[in-house]
C-alpha atoms as a PDB file:
ATOM      1  CA  MET A   1      11.880  -5.364   7.222  1.00  0.00           C
ATOM      2  CA  THR A   2      11.831  -9.221   6.973  1.00  0.00           C
ATOM      3  CA  GLU A   3       8.908 -11.270   5.903  1.00  0.00           C
ATOM      4  CA  ALA A   4       8.867 -13.020   9.230  1.00  0.00           C
ATOM      5  CA  LYS A   5       8.804  -9.680  11.089  1.00  0.00           C
ATOM      6  CA  ILE A   6       5.755  -8.550   8.656  1.00  0.00           C
ATOM      7  CA  GLU A   7       4.059 -11.908   9.136  1.00  0.00           C
ATOM      8  CA  GLN A   8       4.547 -11.574  12.956  1.00  0.00           C
ATOM      9  CA  LEU A   9       3.190  -7.808  13.100  1.00  0.00           C
ATOM     10  CA  SER A  10       0.218  -8.710  10.826  1.00  0.00           C
ATOM     11  CA  LYS A  11      -0.516 -11.720  12.376  1.00  0.00           C
ATOM     12  CA  ASP A  12      -0.567 -13.242   8.624  1.00  0.00           C
ATOM     13  CA  HIS A  13      -4.232 -12.164   8.666  1.00  0.00           C
ATOM     14  CA  GLU A  14      -6.213 -12.342   5.361  1.00  0.00           C
ATOM     15  CA  VAL A  15      -8.906  -9.879   4.579  1.00  0.00           C
ATOM     16  CA  LYS A  16     -12.279 -11.089   3.316  1.00  0.00           C
ATOM     17  CA  ASN A  17     -11.279 -11.232  -0.156  1.00  0.00           C
ATOM     18  CA  GLN A  18      -8.311 -13.343   0.772  1.00  0.00           C
ATOM     19  CA  THR A  19      -5.702 -11.014  -0.093  1.00  0.00           C
ATOM     20  CA  LYS A  20      -2.683 -11.380   2.287  1.00  0.00           C
ATOM     21  CA  ILE A  21      -0.519  -8.283   2.692  1.00  0.00           C
ATOM     22  CA  SER A  22       2.019  -9.621   0.473  1.00  0.00           C
ATOM     23  CA  ASN A  23      -0.575  -9.541  -2.325  1.00  0.00           C
ATOM     24  CA  LEU A  24      -1.436  -5.977  -2.211  1.00  0.00           C
ATOM     25  CA  PRO A  25      -0.598  -4.490  -5.623  1.00  0.00           C
ATOM     26  CA  PHE A  26       1.557  -1.718  -4.559  1.00  0.00           C
ATOM     27  CA  LEU A  27       3.712  -3.902  -2.278  1.00  0.00           C
ATOM     28  CA  LYS A  28       6.764  -5.629  -3.626  1.00  0.00           C
ATOM     29  CA  LYS A  29       8.866  -8.350  -2.020  1.00  0.00           C
ATOM     30  CA  ASN A  30      12.700  -8.138  -2.544  1.00  0.00           C
ATOM     31  CA  ASP A  31      14.218 -11.279  -1.181  1.00  0.00           C
ATOM     32  CA  ASP A  32      13.340 -11.210   2.394  1.00  0.00           C
ATOM     33  CA  GLU A  33      12.061  -7.630   2.657  1.00  0.00           C
ATOM     34  CA  PHE A  34       9.105  -5.632   1.602  1.00  0.00           C
ATOM     35  CA  VAL A  35       8.848  -2.321  -0.248  1.00  0.00           C
ATOM     36  CA  PHE A  36       5.583  -0.967   0.989  1.00  0.00           C
ATOM     37  CA  TRP A  37       5.235   1.427  -1.968  1.00  0.00           C
ATOM     38  CA  SER A  38       6.249   0.291  -5.433  1.00  0.00           C
ATOM     39  CA  VAL A  39       4.131   1.695  -8.315  1.00  0.00           C
ATOM     40  CA  ARG A  40       4.590   2.511 -11.908  1.00  0.00           C
ATOM     41  CA  PRO A  41       2.630   5.638 -12.969  1.00  0.00           C
ATOM     42  CA  SER A  42       0.889   5.351 -16.491  1.00  0.00           C
ATOM     43  CA  GLY A  43       1.565   9.106 -17.331  1.00  0.00           C
ATOM     44  CA  ASP A  44      -2.060   9.926 -17.470  1.00  0.00           C
ATOM     45  CA  TYR A  45      -2.422  11.982 -14.092  1.00  0.00           C
ATOM     46  CA  ALA A  46      -6.258  11.169 -13.798  1.00  0.00           C
ATOM     47  CA  ASP A  47      -5.764   7.470 -14.357  1.00  0.00           C
ATOM     48  CA  ASP A  48      -3.002   7.431 -12.007  1.00  0.00           C
ATOM     49  CA  CYS A  49      -5.020   9.134  -9.234  1.00  0.00           C
ATOM     50  CA  ARG A  50      -7.893   6.548  -9.859  1.00  0.00           C
ATOM     51  CA  THR A  51      -5.499   3.896  -9.342  1.00  0.00           C
ATOM     52  CA  GLY A  52      -4.202   5.442  -6.157  1.00  0.00           C
ATOM     53  CA  ARG A  53      -7.653   5.752  -4.854  1.00  0.00           C
ATOM     54  CA  GLU A  54      -8.210   2.005  -5.599  1.00  0.00           C
ATOM     55  CA  TYR A  55      -4.902   1.185  -3.801  1.00  0.00           C
ATOM     56  CA  GLY A  56      -6.109   3.160  -0.794  1.00  0.00           C
ATOM     57  CA  ALA A  57      -9.344   1.219  -0.679  1.00  0.00           C
ATOM     58  CA  LEU A  58      -7.453  -1.942  -0.842  1.00  0.00           C
ATOM     59  CA  ALA A  59      -5.022  -0.841   1.807  1.00  0.00           C
ATOM     60  CA  PHE A  60      -7.864   0.599   4.111  1.00  0.00           C
ATOM     61  CA  GLU A  61      -9.643  -2.892   3.759  1.00  0.00           C
ATOM     62  CA  HIS A  62      -6.556  -4.698   5.013  1.00  0.00           C
ATOM     63  CA  MET A  63      -5.778  -2.321   7.743  1.00  0.00           C
ATOM     64  CA  VAL A  64      -9.559  -2.866   9.026  1.00  0.00           C
ATOM     65  CA  GLU A  65      -9.883  -6.631   8.329  1.00  0.00           C
ATOM     66  CA  ALA A  66      -6.509  -7.583   9.739  1.00  0.00           C
ATOM     67  CA  ASP A  67      -6.420  -5.028  12.326  1.00  0.00           C
ATOM     68  CA  PHE A  68      -3.080  -3.605  10.996  1.00  0.00           C
ATOM     69  CA  SER A  69      -2.979   0.314  10.894  1.00  0.00           C
ATOM     70  CA  PRO A  70       0.987   0.369  10.639  1.00  0.00           C
ATOM     71  CA  LEU A  71       0.341  -0.299   6.872  1.00  0.00           C
ATOM     72  CA  LEU A  72      -0.539   3.184   5.973  1.00  0.00           C
ATOM     73  CA  THR A  73       2.539   4.615   7.846  1.00  0.00           C
ATOM     74  CA  TRP A  74       4.874   2.159   5.956  1.00  0.00           C
ATOM     75  CA  CYS A  75       3.480   2.960   2.653  1.00  0.00           C
ATOM     76  CA  ILE A  76       3.995   6.542   3.142  1.00  0.00           C
ATOM     77  CA  MET A  77       7.373   6.327   4.449  1.00  0.00           C
ATOM     78  CA  ASP A  78       8.308   4.285   1.183  1.00  0.00           C
ATOM     79  CA  MET A  79       6.659   7.013  -1.095  1.00  0.00           C
ATOM     80  CA  PRO A  80       8.882   9.312  -3.358  1.00  0.00           C
ATOM     81  CA  ARG A  81       9.606  12.981  -2.323  1.00  0.00           C
ATOM     82  CA  LYS A  82       7.227  15.598  -3.553  1.00  0.00           C
ATOM     83  CA  LYS A  83       8.992  16.291  -6.781  1.00  0.00           C
ATOM     84  CA  ASP A  84       8.876  12.595  -8.022  1.00  0.00           C
ATOM     85  CA  CYS A  85       5.205  11.934  -6.850  1.00  0.00           C
ATOM     86  CA  SER A  86       2.558  10.887  -9.292  1.00  0.00           C
ATOM     87  CA  GLY A  87      -1.035  10.799  -9.332  1.00  0.00           C
ATOM     88  CA  ILE A  88      -0.909   7.341  -7.759  1.00  0.00           C
ATOM     89  CA  GLU A  89       0.286   8.655  -4.503  1.00  0.00           C
ATOM     90  CA  VAL A  90      -2.062  11.695  -4.683  1.00  0.00           C
ATOM     91  CA  GLY A  91      -4.894   9.500  -5.200  1.00  0.00           C
ATOM     92  CA  PHE A  92      -3.794   6.990  -2.445  1.00  0.00           C
ATOM     93  CA  LEU A  93      -3.448   9.624   0.049  1.00  0.00           C
ATOM     94  CA  GLU A  94      -6.790  11.350  -1.018  1.00  0.00           C
ATOM     95  CA  PHE A  95      -8.652   8.142  -0.226  1.00  0.00           C
ATOM     96  CA  PHE A  96      -8.022   8.664   3.489  1.00  0.00           C
ATOM     97  CA  PRO A  97     -10.231  10.995   5.212  1.00  0.00           C
ATOM     98  CA  LYS A  98      -9.035  13.846   7.517  1.00  0.00           C
END
């Protein structure tokens, strides 16, 4: 998805802490496209779960403040399949209530 499309969809809103969508730590911009899930596990499952929950909180904050719920779906769609998941993915998804 191009940056222009992302900005159009998110209306280029900033959250209270002045973090634009492109500054979220789990997003990566490649040329004119965003990868919505780009993380590096540390190898320590417990630490990675904590990191994932922190990322979940940042994503949730952005979704609420920018009124931009598609972020969660796009993150999940870019996550690795089950065998390649780390604690970061587990912690991120655990953050969100049922």
